[in-house]
Amino acid sequence: MPRDDQKRRVILAARERMSREGFSRLSIEELVSELGMSKKTFYKIFRSKDDLLSQVVDTTLGEVRLVLGEITGSDRDFLEKLTAILTFVGEQSGRIGRPLQEDLRRFHPDLWMRIEVFRRQRLAQTFAPLFDQGVAEGYVRSDVNKRVFLFAYIGAIQNLITPQVLAQESFSAQDALRGIVRIFFQGILTDRGRKQLTHISILKESPST
């Protein structure tokens, strides 16, 4: 198998394990055994366990950047883009699970900061043009200050969807995201936009709420 394919297999398998169990509990021996790979081959691909973690983070951020770029750059209308973005972000919020988030925050603050900065920048780059498109198509109110909305929306996500907060609450990251979006977007949408928003499945209440 080509080296790049081996590397991706390890990254995807490691990410799934880390999301469930955290990075600190990840056993390289168990991981390579699951993949039918020797430790010698693993260490030819990755310098260390920490190197694997860094590449898992880089791969995940790269996937998010690619997909969001494709959505925002498409010719879909505002609601189609909003639906696609919220669905994707909802799925991604479970990709780096709470155990891994907590390990990153406590033991690898440099990587956690990279994620935080990326999230803040990507949210702004994604929702600024989407906001303008929504105004142009009559879904978003033209009297709303875009900059205020973006700062408030991004701040809510940054401050609420964190390991510290989620560890003390009964709601999940997906529940928090759903609530934030419902509150903020219902406030900026026109009557036409609010009617359409209710049809977006990602915003419907989960059975546990």
N, C-alpha and C. Protein backbone atom coordinates (compact mmCIF):
# COMPACT_ATOMS: atom_id res chain seq x y z
N MET A 1 0.85 -1.20 0.00
CA MET A 1 0.00 0.00 0.00
C MET A 1 0.89 1.25 0.00
N PRO A 2 0.57 2.25 -0.85
CA PRO A 2 1.36 3.48 -0.88
C PRO A 2 1.41 4.15 0.49
N ARG A 3 2.53 4.83 0.78
CA ARG A 3 2.74 5.45 2.07
C ARG A 3 1.63 6.45 2.42
N ASP A 4 1.18 7.24 1.44
CA ASP A 4 0.12 8.22 1.71
C ASP A 4 -1.17 7.54 2.13
N ASP A 5 -1.48 6.40 1.50
CA ASP A 5 -2.69 5.67 1.87
C ASP A 5 -2.58 5.09 3.29
N GLN A 6 -1.40 4.57 3.61
CA GLN A 6 -1.18 4.07 4.96
C GLN A 6 -1.34 5.18 5.99
N LYS A 7 -0.77 6.32 5.68
CA LYS A 7 -0.84 7.47 6.59
C LYS A 7 -2.28 7.88 6.84
N ARG A 8 -3.08 7.95 5.78
CA ARG A 8 -4.47 8.36 5.95
C ARG A 8 -5.25 7.33 6.75
N ARG A 9 -5.00 6.05 6.53
CA ARG A 9 -5.69 5.00 7.30
C ARG A 9 -5.41 5.17 8.79
N VAL A 10 -4.16 5.42 9.12
CA VAL A 10 -3.79 5.59 10.53
C VAL A 10 -4.46 6.83 11.12
N ILE A 11 -4.44 7.94 10.37
CA ILE A 11 -5.02 9.19 10.86
C ILE A 11 -6.52 9.02 11.13
N LEU A 12 -7.23 8.41 10.19
CA LEU A 12 -8.68 8.25 10.36
C LEU A 12 -9.01 7.32 11.52
N ALA A 13 -8.27 6.22 11.63
CA ALA A 13 -8.51 5.28 12.72
C ALA A 13 -8.16 5.91 14.07
N ALA A 14 -7.05 6.65 14.10
CA ALA A 14 -6.64 7.31 15.34
C ALA A 14 -7.64 8.38 15.75
N ARG A 15 -8.14 9.13 14.78
CA ARG A 15 -9.11 10.18 15.09
C ARG A 15 -10.38 9.60 15.71
N GLU A 16 -10.84 8.49 15.17
CA GLU A 16 -12.04 7.85 15.70
C GLU A 16 -11.82 7.38 17.14
N ARG A 17 -10.65 6.78 17.39
CA ARG A 17 -10.34 6.31 18.74
C ARG A 17 -10.18 7.48 19.71
N MET A 18 -9.45 8.50 19.28
CA MET A 18 -9.22 9.66 20.14
C MET A 18 -10.52 10.36 20.47
N SER A 19 -11.43 10.44 19.52
CA SER A 19 -12.69 11.11 19.75
C SER A 19 -13.49 10.43 20.84
N ARG A 20 -13.40 9.10 20.88
CA ARG A 20 -14.13 8.32 21.89
C ARG A 20 -13.40 8.30 23.23
N GLU A 21 -12.08 8.13 23.19
CA GLU A 21 -11.32 7.83 24.39
C GLU A 21 -10.38 8.94 24.84
N GLY A 22 -10.11 9.89 23.95
CA GLY A 22 -9.11 10.91 24.26
C GLY A 22 -7.74 10.51 23.75
N PHE A 23 -6.85 11.47 23.69
CA PHE A 23 -5.50 11.22 23.20
C PHE A 23 -4.65 10.49 24.23
N SER A 24 -4.80 10.85 25.49
CA SER A 24 -3.95 10.28 26.53
C SER A 24 -4.13 8.78 26.67
N ARG A 25 -5.31 8.27 26.33
CA ARG A 25 -5.59 6.84 26.48
C ARG A 25 -5.30 6.06 25.19
N LEU A 26 -4.90 6.75 24.14
CA LEU A 26 -4.63 6.07 22.88
C LEU A 26 -3.37 5.22 22.99
N SER A 27 -3.49 3.95 22.65
CA SER A 27 -2.35 3.04 22.64
C SER A 27 -1.91 2.82 21.19
N ILE A 28 -0.67 3.20 20.89
CA ILE A 28 -0.16 2.99 19.54
C ILE A 28 -0.12 1.51 19.21
N GLU A 29 0.23 0.70 20.20
CA GLU A 29 0.29 -0.75 19.97
C GLU A 29 -1.07 -1.30 19.58
N GLU A 30 -2.12 -0.87 20.28
CA GLU A 30 -3.47 -1.33 19.95
C GLU A 30 -3.91 -0.79 18.59
N LEU A 31 -3.55 0.45 18.31
CA LEU A 31 -3.94 1.07 17.04
C LEU A 31 -3.34 0.33 15.85
N VAL A 32 -2.04 0.08 15.90
CA VAL A 32 -1.39 -0.58 14.75
C VAL A 32 -1.85 -2.02 14.63
N SER A 33 -2.15 -2.65 15.77
CA SER A 33 -2.66 -4.02 15.73
C SER A 33 -4.01 -4.06 15.03
N GLU A 34 -4.86 -3.08 15.33
CA GLU A 34 -6.16 -2.98 14.68
C GLU A 34 -6.03 -2.82 13.18
N LEU A 35 -4.99 -2.11 12.76
CA LEU A 35 -4.79 -1.82 11.35
C LEU A 35 -3.94 -2.87 10.64
N GLY A 36 -3.45 -3.86 11.38
CA GLY A 36 -2.58 -4.87 10.78
C GLY A 36 -1.25 -4.29 10.35
N MET A 37 -0.73 -3.37 11.12
CA MET A 37 0.51 -2.67 10.80
C MET A 37 1.51 -2.87 11.93
N SER A 38 2.78 -2.89 11.61
CA SER A 38 3.80 -3.01 12.64
C SER A 38 4.13 -1.64 13.23
N LYS A 39 4.62 -1.63 14.47
CA LYS A 39 5.04 -0.38 15.08
C LYS A 39 6.19 0.24 14.30
N LYS A 40 7.04 -0.61 13.73
CA LYS A 40 8.16 -0.12 12.94
C LYS A 40 7.66 0.69 11.75
N THR A 41 6.61 0.20 11.08
CA THR A 41 6.04 0.93 9.94
C THR A 41 5.40 2.23 10.42
N PHE A 42 4.72 2.16 11.56
CA PHE A 42 4.09 3.37 12.11
C PHE A 42 5.12 4.47 12.31
N TYR A 43 6.24 4.12 12.92
CA TYR A 43 7.23 5.14 13.23
C TYR A 43 8.07 5.56 12.03
N LYS A 44 7.87 4.89 10.91
CA LYS A 44 8.45 5.38 9.66
C LYS A 44 7.57 6.48 9.07
N ILE A 45 6.28 6.45 9.44
CA ILE A 45 5.31 7.43 8.91
C ILE A 45 5.18 8.62 9.85
N PHE A 46 5.15 8.34 11.16
CA PHE A 46 4.98 9.40 12.17
C PHE A 46 6.18 9.39 13.11
N ARG A 47 6.67 10.58 13.43
CA ARG A 47 7.83 10.69 14.30
C ARG A 47 7.52 10.22 15.72
N SER A 48 6.27 10.44 16.15
CA SER A 48 5.89 10.15 17.53
C SER A 48 4.37 10.14 17.64
N LYS A 49 3.89 9.80 18.82
CA LYS A 49 2.46 9.86 19.08
C LYS A 49 1.97 11.30 18.99
N ASP A 50 2.77 12.25 19.47
CA ASP A 50 2.39 13.67 19.37
C ASP A 50 2.33 14.13 17.92
N ASP A 51 3.21 13.60 17.08
CA ASP A 51 3.19 13.94 15.66
C ASP A 51 1.90 13.44 15.03
N LEU A 52 1.47 12.26 15.42
CA LEU A 52 0.19 11.71 14.94
C LEU A 52 -0.95 12.65 15.32
N LEU A 53 -0.97 13.10 16.57
CA LEU A 53 -2.03 14.00 17.02
C LEU A 53 -2.05 15.29 16.21
N SER A 54 -0.88 15.86 15.97
CA SER A 54 -0.79 17.09 15.18
C SER A 54 -1.34 16.88 13.78
N GLN A 55 -1.05 15.73 13.19
CA GLN A 55 -1.52 15.46 11.84
C GLN A 55 -3.01 15.14 11.80
N VAL A 56 -3.53 14.57 12.87
CA VAL A 56 -4.99 14.37 12.97
C VAL A 56 -5.69 15.73 12.97
N VAL A 57 -5.17 16.67 13.75
CA VAL A 57 -5.75 18.01 13.81
C VAL A 57 -5.64 18.70 12.45
N ASP A 58 -4.45 18.64 11.84
CA ASP A 58 -4.25 19.28 10.53
C ASP A 58 -5.18 18.70 9.47
N THR A 59 -5.35 17.38 9.48
CA THR A 59 -6.22 16.72 8.51
C THR A 59 -7.67 17.16 8.70
N THR A 60 -8.10 17.21 9.94
CA THR A 60 -9.49 17.60 10.24
C THR A 60 -9.75 19.04 9.82
N LEU A 61 -8.84 19.94 10.13
CA LEU A 61 -9.02 21.34 9.75
C LEU A 61 -8.98 21.50 8.23
N GLY A 62 -8.14 20.72 7.58
CA GLY A 62 -8.08 20.77 6.12
C GLY A 62 -9.38 20.31 5.48
N GLU A 63 -9.99 19.28 6.04
CA GLU A 63 -11.27 18.80 5.52
C GLU A 63 -12.35 19.85 5.69
N VAL A 64 -12.36 20.49 6.85
CA VAL A 64 -13.36 21.54 7.11
C VAL A 64 -13.17 22.70 6.14
N ARG A 65 -11.93 23.13 5.97
CA ARG A 65 -11.64 24.24 5.05
C ARG A 65 -12.11 23.92 3.63
N LEU A 66 -11.84 22.70 3.18
CA LEU A 66 -12.20 22.30 1.82
C LEU A 66 -13.71 22.27 1.62
N VAL A 67 -14.42 21.62 2.53
CA VAL A 67 -15.87 21.47 2.37
C VAL A 67 -16.58 22.82 2.47
N LEU A 68 -16.23 23.63 3.47
CA LEU A 68 -16.88 24.93 3.61
C LEU A 68 -16.57 25.83 2.42
N GLY A 69 -15.35 25.73 1.90
CA GLY A 69 -15.01 26.51 0.70
C GLY A 69 -15.83 26.10 -0.50
N GLU A 70 -16.06 24.80 -0.65
CA GLU A 70 -16.88 24.31 -1.77
C GLU A 70 -18.32 24.77 -1.64
N ILE A 71 -18.84 24.76 -0.41
CA ILE A 71 -20.23 25.18 -0.20
C ILE A 71 -20.40 26.66 -0.48
N THR A 72 -19.55 27.49 0.15
CA THR A 72 -19.70 28.94 -0.02
C THR A 72 -19.39 29.39 -1.44
N GLY A 73 -18.56 28.64 -2.15
CA GLY A 73 -18.22 29.01 -3.52
C GLY A 73 -19.17 28.48 -4.56
N SER A 74 -20.17 27.72 -4.14
CA SER A 74 -21.13 27.14 -5.09
C SER A 74 -22.17 28.16 -5.50
N ASP A 75 -23.02 27.77 -6.45
CA ASP A 75 -24.07 28.68 -6.93
C ASP A 75 -25.42 28.41 -6.26
N ARG A 76 -25.41 27.73 -5.12
CA ARG A 76 -26.66 27.46 -4.41
C ARG A 76 -27.21 28.75 -3.80
N ASP A 77 -28.51 28.74 -3.49
CA ASP A 77 -29.08 29.93 -2.87
C ASP A 77 -28.75 29.95 -1.38
N PHE A 78 -29.16 31.01 -0.70
CA PHE A 78 -28.82 31.22 0.70
C PHE A 78 -29.24 30.05 1.58
N LEU A 79 -30.49 29.61 1.46
CA LEU A 79 -30.99 28.56 2.34
C LEU A 79 -30.32 27.22 2.06
N GLU A 80 -30.02 26.95 0.80
CA GLU A 80 -29.32 25.71 0.48
C GLU A 80 -27.93 25.70 1.08
N LYS A 81 -27.25 26.84 1.00
CA LYS A 81 -25.91 26.93 1.59
C LYS A 81 -25.99 26.82 3.10
N LEU A 82 -26.94 27.53 3.70
CA LEU A 82 -27.09 27.50 5.15
C LEU A 82 -27.36 26.08 5.63
N THR A 83 -28.25 25.38 4.95
CA THR A 83 -28.57 23.99 5.31
C THR A 83 -27.33 23.11 5.21
N ALA A 84 -26.59 23.25 4.10
CA ALA A 84 -25.39 22.42 3.90
C ALA A 84 -24.33 22.72 4.95
N ILE A 85 -24.14 24.00 5.25
CA ILE A 85 -23.14 24.39 6.24
C ILE A 85 -23.50 23.88 7.62
N LEU A 86 -24.75 24.08 8.04
CA LEU A 86 -25.17 23.65 9.38
C LEU A 86 -25.13 22.14 9.53
N THR A 87 -25.51 21.43 8.47
CA THR A 87 -25.45 19.97 8.51
C THR A 87 -24.02 19.50 8.65
N PHE A 88 -23.13 20.09 7.86
CA PHE A 88 -21.71 19.70 7.92
C PHE A 88 -21.09 20.04 9.26
N VAL A 89 -21.34 21.26 9.74
CA VAL A 89 -20.76 21.68 11.02
C VAL A 89 -21.30 20.83 12.17
N GLY A 90 -22.59 20.47 12.09
CA GLY A 90 -23.16 19.60 13.11
C GLY A 90 -22.48 18.24 13.14
N GLU A 91 -22.18 17.71 11.96
CA GLU A 91 -21.48 16.43 11.88
C GLU A 91 -20.05 16.57 12.41
N GLN A 92 -19.40 17.68 12.07
CA GLN A 92 -18.02 17.88 12.49
C GLN A 92 -17.88 18.10 13.98
N SER A 93 -18.90 18.64 14.62
CA SER A 93 -18.81 18.91 16.05
C SER A 93 -18.64 17.63 16.85
N GLY A 94 -19.02 16.50 16.25
CA GLY A 94 -18.81 15.22 16.92
C GLY A 94 -17.55 14.52 16.47
N ARG A 95 -16.86 15.09 15.48
CA ARG A 95 -15.64 14.48 14.94
C ARG A 95 -14.49 14.53 15.94
N ILE A 96 -14.36 15.67 16.63
CA ILE A 96 -13.38 15.77 17.70
C ILE A 96 -14.17 15.75 19.00
N GLY A 97 -14.35 14.56 19.54
CA GLY A 97 -15.22 14.37 20.70
C GLY A 97 -14.71 15.03 21.97
N ARG A 98 -15.56 15.02 22.99
CA ARG A 98 -15.25 15.71 24.24
C ARG A 98 -13.97 15.21 24.91
N PRO A 99 -13.72 13.87 24.97
CA PRO A 99 -12.46 13.41 25.58
C PRO A 99 -11.23 13.98 24.89
N LEU A 100 -11.26 14.02 23.55
CA LEU A 100 -10.12 14.57 22.81
C LEU A 100 -10.01 16.07 23.01
N GLN A 101 -11.14 16.76 23.00
CA GLN A 101 -11.11 18.20 23.24
C GLN A 101 -10.49 18.52 24.60
N GLU A 102 -10.86 17.76 25.61
CA GLU A 102 -10.34 18.02 26.95
C GLU A 102 -8.83 17.75 27.02
N ASP A 103 -8.39 16.69 26.38
CA ASP A 103 -6.95 16.40 26.35
C ASP A 103 -6.18 17.50 25.63
N LEU A 104 -6.75 17.97 24.52
CA LEU A 104 -6.09 19.04 23.78
C LEU A 104 -6.00 20.31 24.62
N ARG A 105 -7.08 20.66 25.26
CA ARG A 105 -7.10 21.89 26.06
C ARG A 105 -6.12 21.82 27.22
N ARG A 106 -6.05 20.66 27.89
CA ARG A 106 -5.22 20.54 29.10
C ARG A 106 -3.75 20.27 28.80
N PHE A 107 -3.49 19.40 27.82
CA PHE A 107 -2.12 18.94 27.63
C PHE A 107 -1.45 19.42 26.34
N HIS A 108 -2.24 19.92 25.40
CA HIS A 108 -1.68 20.41 24.14
C HIS A 108 -2.32 21.75 23.79
N PRO A 109 -2.11 22.76 24.62
CA PRO A 109 -2.76 24.06 24.40
C PRO A 109 -2.40 24.72 23.08
N ASP A 110 -1.22 24.39 22.53
CA ASP A 110 -0.84 24.97 21.24
C ASP A 110 -1.77 24.46 20.13
N LEU A 111 -2.08 23.17 20.15
CA LEU A 111 -2.99 22.61 19.15
C LEU A 111 -4.41 23.09 19.38
N TRP A 112 -4.80 23.19 20.65
CA TRP A 112 -6.15 23.69 20.96
C TRP A 112 -6.32 25.12 20.48
N MET A 113 -5.28 25.93 20.67
CA MET A 113 -5.34 27.32 20.20
C MET A 113 -5.43 27.37 18.68
N ARG A 114 -4.73 26.45 18.01
CA ARG A 114 -4.80 26.41 16.55
C ARG A 114 -6.23 26.14 16.09
N ILE A 115 -6.91 25.24 16.78
CA ILE A 115 -8.30 24.93 16.46
C ILE A 115 -9.19 26.14 16.72
N GLU A 116 -9.00 26.79 17.85
CA GLU A 116 -9.81 27.95 18.22
C GLU A 116 -9.65 29.09 17.20
N VAL A 117 -8.40 29.37 16.83
CA VAL A 117 -8.14 30.44 15.86
C VAL A 117 -8.75 30.08 14.51
N PHE A 118 -8.56 28.82 14.11
CA PHE A 118 -9.12 28.36 12.84
C PHE A 118 -10.63 28.50 12.84
N ARG A 119 -11.27 28.08 13.91
CA ARG A 119 -12.73 28.14 13.98
C ARG A 119 -13.23 29.57 13.88
N ARG A 120 -12.57 30.47 14.61
CA ARG A 120 -12.98 31.87 14.58
C ARG A 120 -12.83 32.47 13.18
N GLN A 121 -11.70 32.21 12.55
CA GLN A 121 -11.46 32.76 11.21
C GLN A 121 -12.38 32.14 10.17
N ARG A 122 -12.58 30.82 10.27
CA ARG A 122 -13.40 30.14 9.27
C ARG A 122 -14.87 30.54 9.40
N LEU A 123 -15.35 30.74 10.63
CA LEU A 123 -16.73 31.19 10.81
C LEU A 123 -16.95 32.55 10.17
N ALA A 124 -15.99 33.45 10.37
CA ALA A 124 -16.11 34.78 9.77
C ALA A 124 -16.07 34.70 8.25
N GLN A 125 -15.15 33.91 7.71
CA GLN A 125 -15.01 33.80 6.26
C GLN A 125 -16.19 33.10 5.62
N THR A 126 -16.86 32.26 6.38
CA THR A 126 -18.02 31.52 5.85
C THR A 126 -19.30 32.35 5.92
N PHE A 127 -19.54 32.97 7.08
CA PHE A 127 -20.84 33.61 7.30
C PHE A 127 -20.91 35.06 6.82
N ALA A 128 -19.79 35.73 6.62
CA ALA A 128 -19.84 37.11 6.11
C ALA A 128 -20.45 37.16 4.71
N PRO A 129 -19.93 36.37 3.73
CA PRO A 129 -20.55 36.39 2.40
C PRO A 129 -21.94 35.78 2.39
N LEU A 130 -22.18 34.79 3.27
CA LEU A 130 -23.50 34.18 3.33
C LEU A 130 -24.53 35.19 3.81
N PHE A 131 -24.16 36.01 4.77
CA PHE A 131 -25.03 37.08 5.27
C PHE A 131 -25.41 38.02 4.13
N ASP A 132 -24.42 38.45 3.35
CA ASP A 132 -24.69 39.36 2.22
C ASP A 132 -25.60 38.72 1.19
N GLN A 133 -25.39 37.45 0.93
CA GLN A 133 -26.24 36.75 -0.04
C GLN A 133 -27.67 36.66 0.49
N GLY A 134 -27.80 36.40 1.79
CA GLY A 134 -29.13 36.32 2.39
C GLY A 134 -29.88 37.63 2.28
N VAL A 135 -29.19 38.75 2.47
CA VAL A 135 -29.82 40.07 2.32
C VAL A 135 -30.25 40.26 0.87
N ALA A 136 -29.38 39.95 -0.06
CA ALA A 136 -29.68 40.14 -1.49
C ALA A 136 -30.87 39.31 -1.95
N GLU A 137 -31.04 38.13 -1.36
CA GLU A 137 -32.12 37.23 -1.78
C GLU A 137 -33.39 37.40 -0.94
N GLY A 138 -33.36 38.32 0.01
CA GLY A 138 -34.56 38.60 0.79
C GLY A 138 -34.80 37.70 1.98
N TYR A 139 -33.78 36.93 2.38
CA TYR A 139 -33.94 36.04 3.53
C TYR A 139 -33.44 36.68 4.83
N VAL A 140 -32.51 37.62 4.72
CA VAL A 140 -31.91 38.27 5.89
C VAL A 140 -32.31 39.73 5.90
N ARG A 141 -32.65 40.24 7.08
CA ARG A 141 -33.06 41.64 7.20
C ARG A 141 -31.89 42.58 6.86
N SER A 142 -32.20 43.58 6.07
CA SER A 142 -31.17 44.52 5.63
C SER A 142 -30.79 45.53 6.71
N ASP A 143 -31.60 45.62 7.78
CA ASP A 143 -31.30 46.60 8.83
C ASP A 143 -30.41 46.04 9.94
N VAL A 144 -29.98 44.78 9.82
CA VAL A 144 -29.12 44.16 10.82
C VAL A 144 -27.66 44.51 10.52
N ASN A 145 -26.92 44.90 11.53
CA ASN A 145 -25.50 45.22 11.38
C ASN A 145 -24.72 43.91 11.25
N LYS A 146 -24.14 43.69 10.11
CA LYS A 146 -23.45 42.42 9.84
C LYS A 146 -22.30 42.18 10.80
N ARG A 147 -21.50 43.20 11.08
CA ARG A 147 -20.34 43.04 11.94
C ARG A 147 -20.76 42.67 13.37
N VAL A 148 -21.81 43.32 13.85
CA VAL A 148 -22.30 43.00 15.19
C VAL A 148 -22.79 41.56 15.24
N PHE A 149 -23.54 41.16 14.22
CA PHE A 149 -24.03 39.79 14.16
C PHE A 149 -22.88 38.79 14.17
N LEU A 150 -21.86 39.02 13.33
CA LEU A 150 -20.75 38.08 13.23
C LEU A 150 -19.99 37.97 14.54
N PHE A 151 -19.71 39.11 15.18
CA PHE A 151 -18.99 39.08 16.45
C PHE A 151 -19.80 38.34 17.52
N ALA A 152 -21.09 38.60 17.58
CA ALA A 152 -21.94 37.97 18.60
C ALA A 152 -22.09 36.47 18.33
N TYR A 153 -22.30 36.11 17.08
CA TYR A 153 -22.50 34.71 16.70
C TYR A 153 -21.24 33.89 16.96
N ILE A 154 -20.10 34.42 16.50
CA ILE A 154 -18.84 33.71 16.68
C ILE A 154 -18.49 33.62 18.17
N GLY A 155 -18.73 34.71 18.91
CA GLY A 155 -18.46 34.70 20.34
C GLY A 155 -19.28 33.67 21.07
N ALA A 156 -20.54 33.53 20.71
CA ALA A 156 -21.41 32.54 21.36
C ALA A 156 -20.88 31.13 21.13
N ILE A 157 -20.47 30.83 19.91
CA ILE A 157 -19.95 29.50 19.60
C ILE A 157 -18.64 29.25 20.33
N GLN A 158 -17.74 30.25 20.29
CA GLN A 158 -16.43 30.11 20.94
C GLN A 158 -16.55 29.89 22.44
N ASN A 159 -17.52 30.56 23.06
CA ASN A 159 -17.63 30.52 24.51
C ASN A 159 -18.51 29.39 25.05
N LEU A 160 -19.40 28.88 24.20
CA LEU A 160 -20.33 27.85 24.66
C LEU A 160 -19.86 26.44 24.30
N ILE A 161 -19.37 26.26 23.08
CA ILE A 161 -18.97 24.92 22.65
C ILE A 161 -17.51 24.70 23.03
N THR A 162 -17.28 24.49 24.32
CA THR A 162 -15.95 24.25 24.87
C THR A 162 -16.02 23.06 25.82
N PRO A 163 -14.91 22.36 26.03
CA PRO A 163 -14.92 21.21 26.94
C PRO A 163 -15.35 21.60 28.35
N GLN A 164 -14.90 22.80 28.81
CA GLN A 164 -15.23 23.22 30.17
C GLN A 164 -16.73 23.36 30.36
N VAL A 165 -17.40 24.01 29.40
CA VAL A 165 -18.84 24.23 29.51
C VAL A 165 -19.61 22.93 29.32
N LEU A 166 -19.27 22.18 28.28
CA LEU A 166 -20.00 20.96 27.96
C LEU A 166 -19.88 19.91 29.06
N ALA A 167 -18.74 19.92 29.77
CA ALA A 167 -18.55 18.95 30.86
C ALA A 167 -19.50 19.21 32.02
N GLN A 168 -19.99 20.44 32.14
CA GLN A 168 -20.86 20.80 33.26
C GLN A 168 -22.34 20.83 32.88
N GLU A 169 -22.62 20.61 31.61
CA GLU A 169 -24.00 20.71 31.14
C GLU A 169 -24.48 19.37 30.57
N SER A 170 -25.79 19.24 30.45
CA SER A 170 -26.36 18.00 29.94
C SER A 170 -26.49 18.01 28.41
N PHE A 171 -26.38 19.20 27.80
CA PHE A 171 -26.52 19.25 26.35
C PHE A 171 -25.20 18.94 25.66
N SER A 172 -25.32 18.45 24.41
CA SER A 172 -24.15 18.11 23.61
C SER A 172 -23.70 19.30 22.79
N ALA A 173 -22.57 19.16 22.11
CA ALA A 173 -22.09 20.21 21.22
C ALA A 173 -23.11 20.46 20.12
N GLN A 174 -23.72 19.38 19.60
CA GLN A 174 -24.73 19.54 18.55
C GLN A 174 -25.95 20.29 19.07
N ASP A 175 -26.36 19.99 20.31
CA ASP A 175 -27.51 20.69 20.90
C ASP A 175 -27.20 22.17 21.07
N ALA A 176 -25.97 22.46 21.53
CA ALA A 176 -25.57 23.86 21.72
C ALA A 176 -25.55 24.60 20.39
N LEU A 177 -24.99 23.97 19.37
CA LEU A 177 -24.94 24.59 18.05
C LEU A 177 -26.34 24.85 17.52
N ARG A 178 -27.24 23.87 17.70
CA ARG A 178 -28.62 24.02 17.23
C ARG A 178 -29.29 25.20 17.92
N GLY A 179 -29.08 25.33 19.21
CA GLY A 179 -29.70 26.42 19.95
C GLY A 179 -29.15 27.78 19.55
N ILE A 180 -27.84 27.86 19.38
CA ILE A 180 -27.21 29.13 18.98
C ILE A 180 -27.73 29.58 17.62
N VAL A 181 -27.76 28.65 16.69
CA VAL A 181 -28.21 29.00 15.33
C VAL A 181 -29.67 29.42 15.34
N ARG A 182 -30.50 28.69 16.08
CA ARG A 182 -31.92 29.03 16.12
C ARG A 182 -32.13 30.44 16.69
N ILE A 183 -31.43 30.75 17.78
CA ILE A 183 -31.57 32.05 18.42
C ILE A 183 -31.09 33.17 17.49
N PHE A 184 -29.88 33.02 16.96
CA PHE A 184 -29.29 34.10 16.17
C PHE A 184 -29.96 34.27 14.81
N PHE A 185 -30.20 33.17 14.12
CA PHE A 185 -30.75 33.32 12.78
C PHE A 185 -32.22 33.70 12.79
N GLN A 186 -32.97 33.26 13.77
CA GLN A 186 -34.36 33.71 13.83
C GLN A 186 -34.44 35.21 14.03
N GLY A 187 -33.42 35.78 14.68
CA GLY A 187 -33.41 37.21 14.92
C GLY A 187 -33.08 38.05 13.70
N ILE A 188 -32.29 37.50 12.77
CA ILE A 188 -31.87 38.31 11.62
C ILE A 188 -32.66 38.01 10.35
N LEU A 189 -33.44 36.93 10.37
CA LEU A 189 -34.14 36.55 9.15
C LEU A 189 -35.42 37.35 8.95
N THR A 190 -35.81 37.50 7.72
CA THR A 190 -37.10 38.09 7.38
C THR A 190 -38.18 37.05 7.67
N ASP A 191 -39.45 37.46 7.55
CA ASP A 191 -40.54 36.50 7.76
C ASP A 191 -40.39 35.31 6.80
N ARG A 192 -40.02 35.61 5.58
CA ARG A 192 -39.82 34.56 4.57
C ARG A 192 -38.71 33.61 5.02
N GLY A 193 -37.63 34.17 5.52
CA GLY A 193 -36.50 33.35 5.95
C GLY A 193 -36.84 32.49 7.15
N ARG A 194 -37.59 33.03 8.12
CA ARG A 194 -37.94 32.27 9.31
C ARG A 194 -38.84 31.09 8.97
N LYS A 195 -39.74 31.29 8.04
CA LYS A 195 -40.63 30.20 7.64
C LYS A 195 -39.82 29.05 7.03
N GLN A 196 -38.83 29.41 6.23
CA GLN A 196 -38.01 28.39 5.60
C GLN A 196 -37.06 27.72 6.59
N LEU A 197 -36.62 28.48 7.61
CA LEU A 197 -35.68 27.95 8.59
C LEU A 197 -36.25 26.75 9.32
N THR A 198 -37.56 26.74 9.54
CA THR A 198 -38.18 25.65 10.29
C THR A 198 -38.09 24.32 9.56
N HIS A 199 -37.78 24.36 8.26
CA HIS A 199 -37.71 23.12 7.48
C HIS A 199 -36.32 22.51 7.48
N ILE A 200 -35.35 23.19 8.07
CA ILE A 200 -33.98 22.66 8.09
C ILE A 200 -33.88 21.61 9.19
N SER A 201 -33.64 20.36 8.82
CA SER A 201 -33.70 19.24 9.76
C SER A 201 -32.70 19.36 10.90
N ILE A 202 -31.53 19.94 10.64
CA ILE A 202 -30.49 20.03 11.67
C ILE A 202 -30.95 20.90 12.83
N LEU A 203 -31.96 21.77 12.60
CA LEU A 203 -32.41 22.67 13.65
C LEU A 203 -33.59 22.13 14.43
N LYS A 204 -34.10 20.97 14.03
CA LYS A 204 -35.23 20.39 14.74
C LYS A 204 -34.75 19.77 16.05
N GLU A 205 -35.60 19.80 17.04
CA GLU A 205 -35.23 19.29 18.36
C GLU A 205 -34.86 17.81 18.28
N SER A 206 -33.80 17.44 18.99
CA SER A 206 -33.42 16.03 19.06
C SER A 206 -34.34 15.32 20.05
N PRO A 207 -34.50 13.99 19.95
CA PRO A 207 -35.41 13.28 20.83
C PRO A 207 -35.09 13.44 22.31
N SER A 208 -33.83 13.73 22.64
CA SER A 208 -33.42 13.80 24.04
C SER A 208 -33.67 15.16 24.65
N THR A 209 -34.04 16.17 23.82
CA THR A 209 -34.22 17.53 24.35
C THR A 209 -35.67 17.82 24.62
